[in-house]
Amino acid sequence: METSNNTSKIALIVLAVLTAVLGVLYFRSNQLTQEQAVNIEEKATELANTRMKLDSISTQLDAKIEEIKALGGQVSDLEALKLQLEQDKSSLKKANHATIASYDAKIKEYDLVLTQKDADIVELKKQNGILTENNQVLTTQNQTLNTENSGLKTENKTLVDTLSEVTAKNKELARKVSIAAALKAQSLRVLSVNSKGKEAEKSRFNGKKIEKLKITFNLASNPITKLENKTIFVRVLDADGAIVSDEAAGSGKFTQDGKEMVYTAKQVVTYANNNQTVDVFYSRGGVAYKPGKYTIELYSEGFAIGTGGFEVK
């Protein structure tokens, strides 16, 4: 009696350890998925902010080049700076978190050059008799407002583009998580059940003696699949591709990839993440199965989760 009690205690301890391990795996998988989503969004935001600043500088730089040209000034240094700016914008696409931070220093240098060129433009206007002491302040203020307005327009457009990009990335991440968590049916088998309830598994069935079809399979373990009720749709197609169905026997319709499809039978199961066996029965009401090779398709939560088949002589 004491040996039996010890054995039971050991079994309970092993079961508790296995449950804890599975719980940790599930928690880590969910935590990893959430951290990936946060990292993607943070990097996208950093890239967006830096891109907005560089685009704003580019707009201001183009305006300075055109204005100085019109006043007869030299712009070779600004054109060289423009080439450097375009290289920085191109390199930004490949930047990581560390290198993005280094762009702050570059942006400060560009802003300093733009400020210096404002003074050069004022001097050129004086030389050309365009600017007097009385209207110098008003002209400078108007120029600053125009520059800021152009920068705001560029920033607004970039922000809209960035939000669209982040939304698209989040949708893609959600799609990948859904794919990873999808059910997977394994070891699919087909048995015939006669009127007396006797089951048989053969390479070829006699179509007149199949009272019921029994489709059995296992649901593979997956720690990131939610432990909840899952509806599994079974489609049986004959050799001509026609779906075997009978609404009186439980057949119906479901939506897959945006299209309405007919299913032969369905089964609601509670997913337990333990490689559980699922049995689905379908009775055709005495109608014989015609000869040929039949295909079986399994679907759940918008995904194809398994296939199989059988042959009728």
Protein backbone atom coordinates (compact mmCIF):
# COMPACT_ATOMS: atom_id res chain seq x y z
CA MET A 1 0.00 0.00 0.00
CA GLU A 2 2.89 2.38 0.88
CA THR A 3 4.57 1.72 -2.51
CA SER A 4 1.32 2.57 -4.33
CA ASN A 5 1.02 5.86 -2.42
CA ASN A 6 4.63 6.78 -3.25
CA THR A 7 4.02 6.07 -6.93
CA SER A 8 0.94 8.30 -6.92
CA LYS A 9 2.87 11.12 -5.24
CA ILE A 10 5.67 10.91 -7.82
CA ALA A 11 3.13 10.98 -10.67
CA LEU A 12 1.51 14.09 -9.19
CA ILE A 13 4.89 15.83 -8.86
CA VAL A 14 5.81 15.03 -12.49
CA LEU A 15 2.43 16.32 -13.69
CA ALA A 16 2.88 19.56 -11.70
CA VAL A 17 6.38 20.11 -13.18
CA LEU A 18 5.12 19.53 -16.74
CA THR A 19 2.23 21.97 -16.19
CA ALA A 20 4.65 24.63 -14.88
CA VAL A 21 7.00 24.18 -17.86
CA LEU A 22 4.14 24.52 -20.36
CA GLY A 23 2.91 27.63 -18.53
CA VAL A 24 6.37 29.24 -18.72
CA LEU A 25 6.64 28.44 -22.45
CA TYR A 26 3.23 29.98 -23.12
CA PHE A 27 4.07 33.12 -21.06
CA ARG A 28 7.48 33.58 -22.76
CA SER A 29 5.96 33.14 -26.23
CA ASN A 30 3.27 35.78 -25.57
CA GLN A 31 5.83 38.11 -23.96
CA LEU A 32 8.15 37.75 -26.98
CA THR A 33 5.31 38.57 -29.36
CA GLN A 34 4.39 41.72 -27.40
CA GLU A 35 8.04 42.86 -27.17
CA GLN A 36 8.44 42.42 -30.93
CA ALA A 37 5.41 44.61 -31.58
CA VAL A 38 6.73 47.36 -29.22
CA ASN A 39 10.23 47.28 -30.77
CA ILE A 40 8.85 47.55 -34.29
CA GLU A 41 6.65 50.51 -33.36
CA GLU A 42 9.45 52.32 -31.47
CA LYS A 43 11.89 51.95 -34.36
CA ALA A 44 9.26 53.10 -36.86
CA THR A 45 8.59 56.21 -34.74
CA GLU A 46 12.31 57.02 -34.44
CA LEU A 47 12.78 56.63 -38.18
CA ALA A 48 9.73 58.81 -38.86
CA ASN A 49 10.86 61.66 -36.63
CA THR A 50 14.37 61.69 -38.08
CA ARG A 51 13.03 61.47 -41.64
CA MET A 52 10.68 64.41 -40.99
CA LYS A 53 13.57 66.58 -39.79
CA LEU A 54 15.77 65.67 -42.78
CA ASP A 55 12.90 66.31 -45.24
CA SER A 56 12.27 69.71 -43.63
CA ILE A 57 15.95 70.62 -43.92
CA SER A 58 15.93 69.47 -47.56
CA THR A 59 12.97 71.77 -48.34
CA GLN A 60 14.65 74.75 -46.67
CA LEU A 61 17.95 74.01 -48.39
CA ASP A 62 16.30 73.97 -51.84
CA ALA A 63 14.69 77.33 -51.08
CA LYS A 64 18.01 78.84 -49.97
CA ILE A 65 19.79 77.60 -53.11
CA GLU A 66 17.17 79.12 -55.42
CA GLU A 67 17.11 82.43 -53.56
CA ILE A 68 20.89 82.82 -53.47
CA LYS A 69 21.09 81.95 -57.18
CA ALA A 70 18.51 84.64 -57.95
CA LEU A 71 20.57 87.16 -55.99
CA GLY A 72 23.74 86.20 -57.90
CA GLY A 73 25.42 84.45 -54.99
CA GLN A 74 27.53 81.28 -54.96
CA VAL A 75 25.73 78.04 -54.11
CA SER A 76 28.40 75.39 -54.72
CA ASP A 77 28.78 74.77 -50.98
CA LEU A 78 25.01 74.39 -50.55
CA GLU A 79 24.78 72.02 -53.52
CA ALA A 80 27.53 69.86 -51.99
CA LEU A 81 25.62 69.95 -48.69
CA LYS A 82 22.48 68.91 -50.57
CA LEU A 83 24.27 65.82 -51.94
CA GLN A 84 25.43 64.93 -48.43
CA LEU A 85 21.88 65.35 -47.12
CA GLU A 86 20.48 62.99 -49.77
CA GLN A 87 23.12 60.40 -48.82
CA ASP A 88 22.10 60.71 -45.17
CA LYS A 89 18.43 60.25 -46.09
CA SER A 90 19.28 57.15 -48.11
CA SER A 91 21.44 55.70 -45.30
CA LEU A 92 18.63 56.30 -42.81
CA LYS A 93 16.59 53.51 -44.43
CA LYS A 94 19.18 50.98 -43.23
CA ALA A 95 19.78 52.56 -39.82
CA ASN A 96 19.28 50.74 -36.53
CA HIS A 97 18.43 52.15 -33.08
CA ALA A 98 22.04 53.11 -32.32
CA THR A 99 22.82 54.82 -35.64
CA ILE A 100 19.52 56.74 -35.68
CA ALA A 101 20.66 58.59 -32.56
CA SER A 102 23.81 59.79 -34.39
CA TYR A 103 21.61 61.74 -36.83
CA ASP A 104 20.80 64.31 -34.12
CA ALA A 105 24.30 65.78 -34.42
CA LYS A 106 24.03 65.93 -38.22
CA ILE A 107 20.67 67.69 -38.01
CA LYS A 108 22.15 70.36 -35.71
CA GLU A 109 24.96 70.96 -38.22
CA TYR A 110 22.47 71.38 -41.07
CA ASP A 111 20.37 73.81 -39.00
CA LEU A 112 23.50 75.87 -38.23
CA VAL A 113 24.35 76.17 -41.95
CA LEU A 114 20.79 77.25 -42.78
CA THR A 115 20.96 79.97 -40.11
CA GLN A 116 24.29 81.22 -41.48
CA LYS A 117 22.85 81.33 -45.00
CA ASP A 118 19.98 83.53 -43.78
CA ALA A 119 22.60 86.16 -42.88
CA ASP A 120 24.27 85.73 -46.30
CA ILE A 121 20.94 86.26 -48.05
CA VAL A 122 20.34 89.48 -46.09
CA GLU A 123 23.76 90.77 -47.12
CA LEU A 124 23.16 89.86 -50.78
CA LYS A 125 19.86 91.72 -50.74
CA LYS A 126 21.59 94.80 -49.37
CA GLN A 127 24.18 94.61 -52.12
CA ASN A 128 21.44 94.35 -54.73
CA GLY A 129 19.51 97.29 -53.23
CA ILE A 130 16.55 95.04 -52.46
CA LEU A 131 16.70 95.34 -48.68
CA THR A 132 16.84 98.55 -46.63
CA GLU A 133 17.28 98.90 -42.90
CA ASN A 134 13.58 99.74 -42.50
CA ASN A 135 12.19 96.58 -44.09
CA GLN A 136 14.96 94.18 -43.14
CA VAL A 137 13.18 92.87 -40.02
CA LEU A 138 9.84 92.37 -41.80
CA THR A 139 11.48 90.56 -44.71
CA THR A 140 13.41 88.25 -42.38
CA GLN A 141 10.28 87.47 -40.37
CA ASN A 142 8.29 86.71 -43.54
CA GLN A 143 11.05 84.48 -44.82
CA THR A 144 11.16 82.57 -41.51
CA LEU A 145 7.38 82.09 -41.55
CA ASN A 146 7.46 80.76 -45.11
CA THR A 147 10.26 78.37 -44.22
CA GLU A 148 8.44 77.13 -41.12
CA ASN A 149 5.23 76.66 -43.12
CA SER A 150 7.06 74.54 -45.71
CA GLY A 151 8.63 72.51 -42.93
CA LEU A 152 5.27 71.92 -41.26
CA LYS A 153 3.73 70.74 -44.52
CA THR A 154 6.59 68.30 -45.03
CA GLU A 155 6.37 67.05 -41.44
CA ASN A 156 2.60 66.57 -41.72
CA LYS A 157 2.94 64.53 -44.92
CA THR A 158 5.72 62.43 -43.42
CA LEU A 159 3.68 61.82 -40.27
CA VAL A 160 0.73 60.58 -42.32
CA ASP A 161 3.05 58.27 -44.28
CA THR A 162 4.61 57.01 -41.04
CA LEU A 163 1.26 56.24 -39.41
CA SER A 164 0.29 54.23 -42.48
CA GLU A 165 3.61 52.40 -42.35
CA VAL A 166 3.26 51.59 -38.62
CA THR A 167 -0.33 50.41 -39.13
CA ALA A 168 0.77 48.15 -41.99
CA LYS A 169 3.63 46.69 -39.91
CA ASN A 170 1.32 46.04 -36.96
CA LYS A 171 -1.16 44.26 -39.23
CA GLU A 172 1.66 42.15 -40.68
CA LEU A 173 2.89 41.27 -37.18
CA ALA A 174 -0.64 40.29 -36.11
CA ARG A 175 -0.95 38.12 -39.23
CA LYS A 176 2.32 36.32 -38.44
CA VAL A 177 1.22 35.70 -34.84
CA SER A 178 -2.10 34.28 -36.08
CA ILE A 179 -0.29 31.96 -38.49
CA ALA A 180 2.04 30.76 -35.72
CA ALA A 181 -0.93 30.07 -33.42
CA ALA A 182 -3.01 28.23 -36.04
CA LEU A 183 -4.14 24.68 -35.38
CA LYS A 184 -2.37 21.84 -37.16
CA ALA A 185 -4.07 18.48 -37.77
CA GLN A 186 -1.78 15.43 -37.94
CA SER A 187 -2.06 11.69 -38.54
CA LEU A 188 -5.43 11.94 -40.30
CA ARG A 189 -7.18 8.58 -40.76
CA VAL A 190 -10.51 7.57 -42.29
CA LEU A 191 -12.62 4.64 -41.08
CA SER A 192 -15.96 3.28 -42.25
CA VAL A 193 -18.70 2.51 -39.74
CA ASN A 194 -21.44 0.02 -40.67
CA SER A 195 -25.04 -0.09 -39.45
CA LYS A 196 -23.98 -2.16 -36.41
CA GLY A 197 -21.38 0.40 -35.38
CA LYS A 198 -18.41 -1.74 -36.38
CA GLU A 199 -15.43 0.31 -37.54
CA ALA A 200 -13.03 -0.68 -40.31
CA GLU A 201 -9.94 0.95 -41.81
CA LYS A 202 -9.08 -0.23 -45.33
CA SER A 203 -7.10 0.89 -48.34
CA ARG A 204 -10.33 0.79 -50.39
CA PHE A 205 -13.87 0.90 -49.02
CA ASN A 206 -17.04 -0.61 -50.39
CA GLY A 207 -19.18 2.46 -51.06
CA LYS A 208 -22.43 0.60 -50.43
CA LYS A 209 -21.41 -0.53 -46.96
CA ILE A 210 -20.35 2.84 -45.53
CA GLU A 211 -23.09 3.82 -43.10
CA LYS A 212 -20.93 6.51 -41.53
CA LEU A 213 -17.52 8.03 -42.12
CA LYS A 214 -15.24 8.46 -39.13
CA ILE A 215 -12.48 11.01 -39.68
CA THR A 216 -9.94 10.98 -36.87
CA PHE A 217 -6.79 13.10 -36.36
CA ASN A 218 -4.58 14.70 -33.71
CA LEU A 219 -4.23 18.42 -32.97
CA ALA A 220 -0.52 19.19 -32.60
CA SER A 221 0.67 20.87 -29.40
CA ASN A 222 1.36 24.60 -29.73
CA PRO A 223 2.07 26.74 -26.62
CA ILE A 224 0.90 29.99 -28.28
CA THR A 225 -2.49 28.64 -29.38
CA LYS A 226 -5.27 29.82 -27.06
CA LEU A 227 -6.84 27.16 -24.86
CA GLU A 228 -10.43 27.68 -25.96
CA ASN A 229 -13.20 26.20 -28.09
CA LYS A 230 -12.25 25.75 -31.75
CA THR A 231 -14.67 25.02 -34.62
CA ILE A 232 -13.20 22.62 -37.18
CA PHE A 233 -14.84 22.37 -40.60
CA VAL A 234 -14.46 19.14 -42.62
CA ARG A 235 -14.88 19.07 -46.39
CA VAL A 236 -15.13 15.73 -48.25
CA LEU A 237 -14.74 15.98 -52.04
CA ASP A 238 -15.35 13.14 -54.49
CA ALA A 239 -13.18 12.25 -57.49
CA ASP A 240 -14.88 14.96 -59.59
CA GLY A 241 -14.25 17.65 -56.98
CA ALA A 242 -17.90 17.82 -55.90
CA ILE A 243 -18.47 18.39 -52.19
CA VAL A 244 -20.19 15.59 -50.27
CA SER A 245 -22.87 17.35 -48.22
CA ASP A 246 -26.35 17.03 -46.79
CA GLU A 247 -27.91 19.83 -44.73
CA ALA A 248 -30.15 17.27 -43.02
CA ALA A 249 -26.99 15.50 -41.83
CA GLY A 250 -25.39 18.70 -40.51
CA SER A 251 -23.66 20.12 -43.57
CA GLY A 252 -23.63 23.88 -44.10
CA LYS A 253 -21.54 26.86 -45.22
CA PHE A 254 -18.62 28.86 -43.81
CA THR A 255 -16.37 31.67 -45.05
CA GLN A 256 -12.75 31.01 -46.04
CA ASP A 257 -10.45 33.66 -47.57
CA GLY A 258 -13.45 35.89 -48.17
CA LYS A 259 -15.37 33.21 -50.07
CA GLU A 260 -18.37 31.15 -49.02
CA MET A 261 -17.64 27.41 -48.95
CA VAL A 262 -19.74 24.32 -48.22
CA TYR A 263 -18.60 21.98 -45.48
CA THR A 264 -19.51 18.32 -45.04
CA ALA A 265 -19.40 18.27 -41.25
CA LYS A 266 -18.07 20.36 -38.39
CA GLN A 267 -16.88 19.69 -34.87
CA VAL A 268 -16.38 22.06 -31.92
CA VAL A 269 -13.47 20.99 -29.69
CA THR A 270 -11.81 22.55 -26.65
CA TYR A 271 -8.14 22.91 -27.51
CA ALA A 272 -6.02 21.49 -24.67
CA ASN A 273 -2.47 21.66 -26.15
CA ASN A 274 -1.89 17.96 -25.43
CA ASN A 275 -1.83 16.39 -28.91
CA GLN A 276 -5.49 15.49 -28.38
CA THR A 277 -7.40 13.16 -30.71
CA VAL A 278 -10.47 14.48 -32.52
CA ASP A 279 -13.14 12.25 -34.11
CA VAL A 280 -15.63 13.64 -36.63
CA PHE A 281 -18.53 11.49 -37.85
CA TYR A 282 -20.62 11.99 -40.98
CA SER A 283 -23.70 9.96 -41.92
CA ARG A 284 -24.96 10.20 -45.48
CA GLY A 285 -28.35 8.70 -44.77
CA GLY A 286 -27.94 5.45 -46.74
CA VAL A 287 -26.71 7.09 -49.99
CA ALA A 288 -23.88 5.01 -51.46
CA TYR A 289 -20.48 6.55 -52.17
CA LYS A 290 -19.55 6.30 -55.84
CA PRO A 291 -16.18 4.77 -56.75
CA GLY A 292 -13.08 6.95 -56.88
CA LYS A 293 -10.53 8.77 -54.74
CA TYR A 294 -11.95 11.18 -52.16
CA THR A 295 -10.14 14.17 -50.68
CA ILE A 296 -10.59 15.50 -47.15
CA GLU A 297 -9.83 19.13 -46.21
CA LEU A 298 -9.80 20.54 -42.66
CA TYR A 299 -10.23 24.25 -41.81
CA SER A 300 -10.35 26.27 -38.59
CA GLU A 301 -10.20 30.01 -37.75
CA GLY A 302 -9.55 30.97 -41.36
CA PHE A 303 -6.67 28.54 -41.95
CA ALA A 304 -6.35 25.20 -43.78
CA ILE A 305 -5.08 22.94 -40.99
CA GLY A 306 -4.80 19.51 -42.63
CA THR A 307 -5.65 17.20 -45.52
CA GLY A 308 -6.18 13.51 -46.17
CA GLY A 309 -8.17 11.12 -48.31
CA PHE A 310 -9.61 7.66 -48.93
CA GLU A 311 -10.66 5.49 -51.87
CA VAL A 312 -13.96 3.78 -52.69
CA LYS A 313 -14.11 0.76 -55.00
